[in-house]
């Protein structure tokens, strides 16, 4: 998809396995972060695509579904 995302290394943890990952810009210092944001602002981006990618993967509904799944799995393990 090619959506720009600027984050810290910690902020990207757990996202590498996502399907259709956006183009990452990982910034470790404030100066790197500012430069990465400046570069993103001067590039053409697919804003609708980025919004869709975030909405599909980080929506409240998906979060609740994942928590419910985790709870169900832990409940099954504790009863056996």
Protein backbone atom coordinates (compact mmCIF):
# COMPACT_ATOMS: atom_id res chain seq x y z
CA UNK A 1 0.00 0.00 0.00
CA UNK A 2 2.89 2.37 0.69
CA UNK A 3 1.46 4.44 3.56
CA UNK A 4 4.01 6.38 5.57
CA UNK A 5 4.26 5.73 9.30
CA UNK A 6 6.78 7.38 11.62
CA UNK A 7 7.35 5.69 14.95
CA UNK A 8 9.91 4.83 17.56
CA UNK A 9 11.36 1.31 17.68
CA UNK A 10 9.14 0.53 20.68
CA UNK A 11 6.07 1.86 18.86
CA UNK A 12 6.65 -0.59 16.01
CA UNK A 13 6.94 -3.67 18.21
CA UNK A 14 4.34 -6.24 17.26
CA UNK A 15 3.41 -4.54 14.00
CA UNK A 16 5.90 -6.29 11.74
CA UNK A 17 3.64 -9.29 11.33
CA UNK A 18 0.75 -7.19 10.04
CA UNK A 19 -0.35 -7.94 6.49
CA UNK A 20 0.14 -5.14 3.95
CA UNK A 21 2.51 -3.19 6.19
CA UNK A 22 2.95 0.48 5.45
CA UNK A 23 6.32 1.98 4.67
CA UNK A 24 8.01 2.45 8.03
CA UNK A 25 10.19 5.31 9.14
CA UNK A 26 11.70 4.46 12.51
CA UNK A 27 13.15 7.39 14.39
CA UNK A 28 15.25 6.95 17.50
CA UNK A 29 15.98 10.60 18.29
CA UNK A 30 13.81 13.72 18.33
CA UNK A 31 15.78 15.11 15.38
CA UNK A 32 15.24 11.90 13.38
CA UNK A 33 11.54 11.97 14.25
CA UNK A 34 11.17 15.59 13.09
CA UNK A 35 13.07 14.89 9.87
CA UNK A 36 10.97 11.81 9.13
CA UNK A 37 7.74 13.76 9.64
CA UNK A 38 9.03 16.59 7.44
CA UNK A 39 9.87 14.09 4.71
CA UNK A 40 6.40 12.50 4.95
CA UNK A 41 4.69 15.88 4.66
CA UNK A 42 6.51 16.58 1.41
CA UNK A 43 5.58 13.25 -0.20
CA UNK A 44 2.38 12.24 -1.88
CA UNK A 45 0.65 9.73 0.36
CA UNK A 46 -2.45 7.65 0.09
CA UNK A 47 -4.26 9.19 3.08
CA UNK A 48 -7.43 7.21 2.44
CA UNK A 49 -5.37 4.02 2.29
CA UNK A 50 -3.61 4.86 5.54
CA UNK A 51 -6.91 5.59 7.29
CA UNK A 52 -8.35 2.30 5.99
CA UNK A 53 -5.24 0.34 7.08
CA UNK A 54 -5.37 1.80 10.60
CA UNK A 55 -9.16 1.39 10.88
CA UNK A 56 -9.03 -2.27 9.84
CA UNK A 57 -6.21 -3.23 12.16
CA UNK A 58 -6.68 -1.00 15.19
CA UNK A 59 -10.44 -0.44 15.43
CA UNK A 60 -12.26 -0.80 18.77
CA UNK A 61 -14.16 -3.77 17.33
CA UNK A 62 -10.97 -5.62 16.40
CA UNK A 63 -9.46 -4.80 19.80
CA UNK A 64 -12.53 -6.19 21.61
CA UNK A 65 -12.51 -9.30 19.40
CA UNK A 66 -8.85 -9.95 20.21
CA UNK A 67 -9.38 -9.41 23.94
CA UNK A 68 -12.39 -11.74 23.88
CA UNK A 69 -10.31 -14.36 22.09
CA UNK A 70 -7.49 -14.04 24.63
CA UNK A 71 -9.96 -14.28 27.50
CA UNK A 72 -11.63 -17.34 25.97
CA UNK A 73 -8.28 -19.07 25.52
CA UNK A 74 -7.20 -18.33 29.10
CA UNK A 75 -10.55 -19.51 30.46
CA UNK A 76 -10.26 -22.79 28.55
CA UNK A 77 -6.74 -23.38 29.87
CA UNK A 78 -7.74 -22.69 33.48
CA UNK A 79 -10.64 -25.17 33.40
CA UNK A 80 -8.60 -28.09 32.08
